[in-house]
Each structure stands twice: as structure tokens, then as C-alpha cells.
Amino acid sequence: MKFIGGLFFFLVCVINSLSAYNLRQVTNSDGLTSSAVLSLLQDSNGFLWMGTCDGVNIYDGTKAYSWNGWGQLNLSGYIIEEILETHDGVIWVQTNYGLSKVDKEKRLVVDYPQFKGSYMMVKNELGNLFFFSSSNLLYAFNEKKQEFYRLPIGTLDREDIVNLYVNEHYLIIFLKNEIIYYQMKHSPEGEYTLSTLNTSEKTEVRYGFGDKNQVYWLDKDYNLFGYSLDKPVKKLICNWKEALDGRGTIVDILRDGTSFFVAFQTNGLLKISLQANDKYTVDDLGIKSGVFRILKDRFQDIVWIATDGQGVYIYSEGKYSISSVTYQDLNQSIGKPVRSIFWDNEGTLWLGTKGEGILKIYDFSPLKHNMNYRTELINSQEGGLINNSVYAFAKSCRPMFWIGHDAGLSYYSYRDRKIRSVYSPEKINYVHAIYEENDSILWIATVGTGVIRARIEDRSGVPYIHSLKCYTIDSGNFSSNYFFTLFADSSHDNIWFGNRGYGLFHIEGDSLAAMPLKNEYSSRVVNDIFSIIRDEDIFWLGTGAGLIKKLHDEEMYFNQQDGFINSTIHSMLLDENKRLWIATNGGLISFNVLNNKFQNYLRFASEDYR
């Protein structure tokens, strides 16, 4: 969930009969100056640069805006054919009138009009720039000397070139009737030298491309071949004739794991997923236009698709429909944020707020499109609630559920439909998490008074605390015992507690035992743990500085530097599809725990993910 300006955005994720992927479109209504997008770049800061037929646009995740070169307006042209970032902050823009170098740090744009009509521009993993000019010559840029130099590749006609691929050691030229391989060496002076022709493959090529250290090409019969530059043995991967025949000219192919996105000049985009025994499945993504470029996001599990007249599409996988409900939708004038959610077996949604009690929504359904719900606001002692800051709900084996708030513990009884306070021999305050271990043991995480193990008994059907034991750290110091969350680890017969400032704890013997983080982190806020999930032997810790994946002998760390929309995590939920849903200060993150890929759901953009 997400709180903005006093509004409550409740994001409901359901799996239903939707398609297995989501498409969202960035168009003129999002600020795009032209819907014909020829090129794409995601820069080192995560912003998307879109080369259009009307200049460069930059997309920040919510809005596109025209980039004017810091007011200099001196790009060589405004039909943006290609954009590449060779080093952090150094961006090359190929236009219809030449080449421009953009230095973001120096706020400087340098034009190279002598390269008007350049045909193809690529870079390798070291950030070295190469391009094929209109005069049928191959050039590279010397970073040390800040000048271009020519690479001798013999006489080639640009009309015969299908594509170029270059890495640290190889230059591969895909021609219509041949694939040429050159070995390269990088000199201390900053220039590459080419070996004599290393090898060539005589074949008709419909399209060819490189991915890391692999080379792929489609021949005239739509056979997809692969070739490792480490072990140069040609391998037939699959025949795609049935999927591709009649679709027209291929302009781009992107490999994503065992899937390939294939873009056509005038006929949309296909996703081809390899199966066993040389089989494959085909998804037509339904884009009714030509596709100029496809780009894998550097941080998120999404693909960007530049089209001829339909702007940019954002592709993501997953059968999720996400919609929002606000207080205003429910005709409630509540201004306090939601801090706890409970959806009971009767279909009633209970929302605990920080200061305005409990909002009760009857017969809630995430599939319901209208907001005509019956609601009730419970925020007074007449309703049985003795405190209006409600931080926790927990199910019970009794016909009731538990409610935690700043003044202690209450429960809601399904027998008489009332909220009542729970008697305790000692005062309990600031309850933020609750877990009922069995019908007689209740675990309570509090802010300031540590962890409580309460023994529950019944008197005439009314539960009360018979006795309790407090577990604290740092000699019971109030500010050291801020426990905001707990996780019941039933498979390992343990309960884990998250502390603000001191990290992860569990009960060992008759005291709290810490499980410290193994790595050194630049921010101490990683020890503010607000959410815990254990999946088999992996801990997922939602902290004030990002997500930690904690295994027995290693840890992985994900935050805004890795592309997270925000690093402050408040709560998490793991679904049956191994998606970890992460609620942050900046929005919602869907994190695939199997491959560590993720997708951000931005402010007000979630309605568009269908």
C-alpha cells in the first residue's frame, strides 16, 4: 500500500483470466512529442531516452518531456536514428544530419556534421563506439585522444550490411550473404587493431545479432543458429518458418533468457519461447504497427518497445490486474494513512488507520469495478475500540480476530459482532504485530517494550491474558526495543522479529537472540527491519534501506541503485507464483524471487497495468 497526500491507495493483485503479459503504452498524452519512436536508450541513471521524429524525449517513469540540450538546441538534427551511452553521462546521438556527443556532466553538446548519413552505430561492453559511415567506412572513437579513427575492413556496401555486433575481442559483420568475424586488440594508445580476416560463414542472413559472447542469425529458411565466440561451433537452435514466414522484414531481435522478441518493420512484434525437443511457442503481442527497436530494461523485468506511430510500449510478464481504491472512492473523509489490512473469510475488508480507527468495507471484491461499497468507520469507545491507531490484525482459531493498537490488545467477536478489549495482568502498549501460535499462546511485537509471549485462557467464552513474559534487549531500554514486525516460521518451528536499529531476532532458549547481517553496508538503516519473509532457507528482509536476500552463507542487497522505485520497505507478501510484492515509500514493487528480476509500479501508473 501507498500513502500520498492523505489518500490511501490500496493495490489489489489478483490472478484471473487475463493474458500472461501486460502492455502499457507511453504516448502523446504522457508528453511524448512524436509517436514515431526510432531508437531507445536507458541511461546509467535509469531514465529512458527516446529518439523520435521530433527530437529526443526523456521518460522518468511517469511522464515524458522533450530534451533541448540545456537550451543549446544544437543536436545535429531532429530525426533521432540511434542513441547510445558509452560511459556514464556520455551519450551519442545519431541524427539525419550527423552525429552529436552529449556530455551530461559538462552540460555540453558537440556536433560531428561530417558523419551525416551514418548507417549503423554500436558499442561494446567497454563503452567503445563504432559506426559505419555513409562512405562505406567503419570508424571508432578514441576516448584518450577524443577523436575518430578508421578501421580497415575492406570494401563493403552499406546496403549489404544487415547488422554489426562488437565486444571486447571480436567484430562481427552480418552481411546478406555472409558473416565476417574479425579479432580485435585494444592498444595502450586507445585504438583497436583488427587481425586479418579471422573466419567467415557463407550463408544468407535475414537477421543477425549478438548477446554477450553469443552470436545468433536467421538464414533464408528461418533456421536460427547460435555460435559461441569461446567455442566456435555452429549450432542449429530451432526453425521459425511457421512463425515468421509472411511477417515481413525483421528489424530487431532481443534475447531474454530462453525467449526471443522479434520485431518487424511493418508488422508488430512476436515473442518466441523455446521449449524442449526443438519446439517453441509464439505470442503475438498485438501491436498493430511497425516496431523500430526493442530494449531490455537494465533494472526491471520489462521490455521497452519503440513503434512507428504508437509511441512506446512497456511489456511485462504476469497475469496481474492492479487497481486502486481511495478513501474518496468510498466517500470517506479520512485523512490518516492505513497501517494494517485484514480480509476475513466473510469478505469484509478491515483497514486499520493511524489515528482514525478502523474502516470496515463489507463484501469487498478486487474484481468489482464500481465502488458502491457499504462501509463503517469504527473510531470510538461506543464501537468498542479504545484507541484509534491500529497497527495489527491477526487471525485466531476462535470465532474472532485480534486487533493491535497503541493502547494494547483488542479482539472482534463474530458471535456478537463487537470489538472488545483484552484483559491483561500487566499493561501492554504500542502493539504492531500479533501471531497466535495456538489456542493458548499469543506472540506480540511492541514498539518500546519488546516482544511479549502471552498465555491466553477463556472465561465464559471471553479470551483474556492469564500471564505474560516480556523479552527485551539492551537491558530493556525503551528506544532499543522497537519491534515492528514478526514472522511465524512454522516449517522451522521458530518466530522471527524485526527491530528498528538492531536487526533480526528470534527466541533462543529463554531470551532474544540476534542474527546479524554478514555483509558490511554503507547505511546503518539496513538494521531497521520492517518486514520478514522466510521461504525455505532464504530470508527476505524489508529494511529502511532496501531488500536483503539472506542465505546461510551469503547476502544479496537491492535498493534504488539497482532500480527500486524507493528503498524504504514497509511490508511484503509472497504469492504462490514466487512473486514478492513489496510496499515502499514510493510505490509497489513486484520482485521475482527465482531470478531476482523486478518491476516497479509507479504513482498513478498502476491503473494502466492490465
Foldseek 3Di string as FASTA:
>chain_A
DEDDQLKEWDKDKDFDPFDQKWKFFDDVVQPDPFQFWQEWDQALLRWIWTQGQAAIWIDPPRHIHHDCLVPPNDDQDRRFNYWDALDHQWIWTQHQQFIWIARRVVSDIDTDRVQHQWDDWDAAPNSKIWTQGPVRWIWTAQPVVRGIDTADDDGDDPVQWQHWDDYQFWTWTDGQFKIWIWTWDADPSRDIHTDPTDDMDGFGFLHWDDDDQKIWTQGPQQFIWIAGPVHGDIDTQARCCVPCPPQARWQDWDDDPQWIWTFHQFHAIKIWGADPPRDIDIDGPPDRGGWNDKAQRQFFQWIWTRTRRRHIMIMHGRSIAIDTDICVLLVHPGRFYWQEWDQDPQRWIWTQTAAQAIKIWHNDDPPDDHSPTDIDGDHDCVQADPTRHWAEWADAPAQWIWTQAQFGIWIAHPVVRGIHGAADPDTDGAWHYWDDPHNFWIWTQGQQQAIKIFGWDDDPNHIHTPHMDHAAPPVSGRNFRGWRYKDCPPVVRWIWTATQQAAIWTDDDHHIDDDDDDDDDPDSQQSRFQEWDDDPQWIWTQTQAAIWTDHPPDIDTDAVSSPEQGRHWHYWDQDPQQWIWTQGNFAIKTARPVPRHIDGQGPPNSNSTD
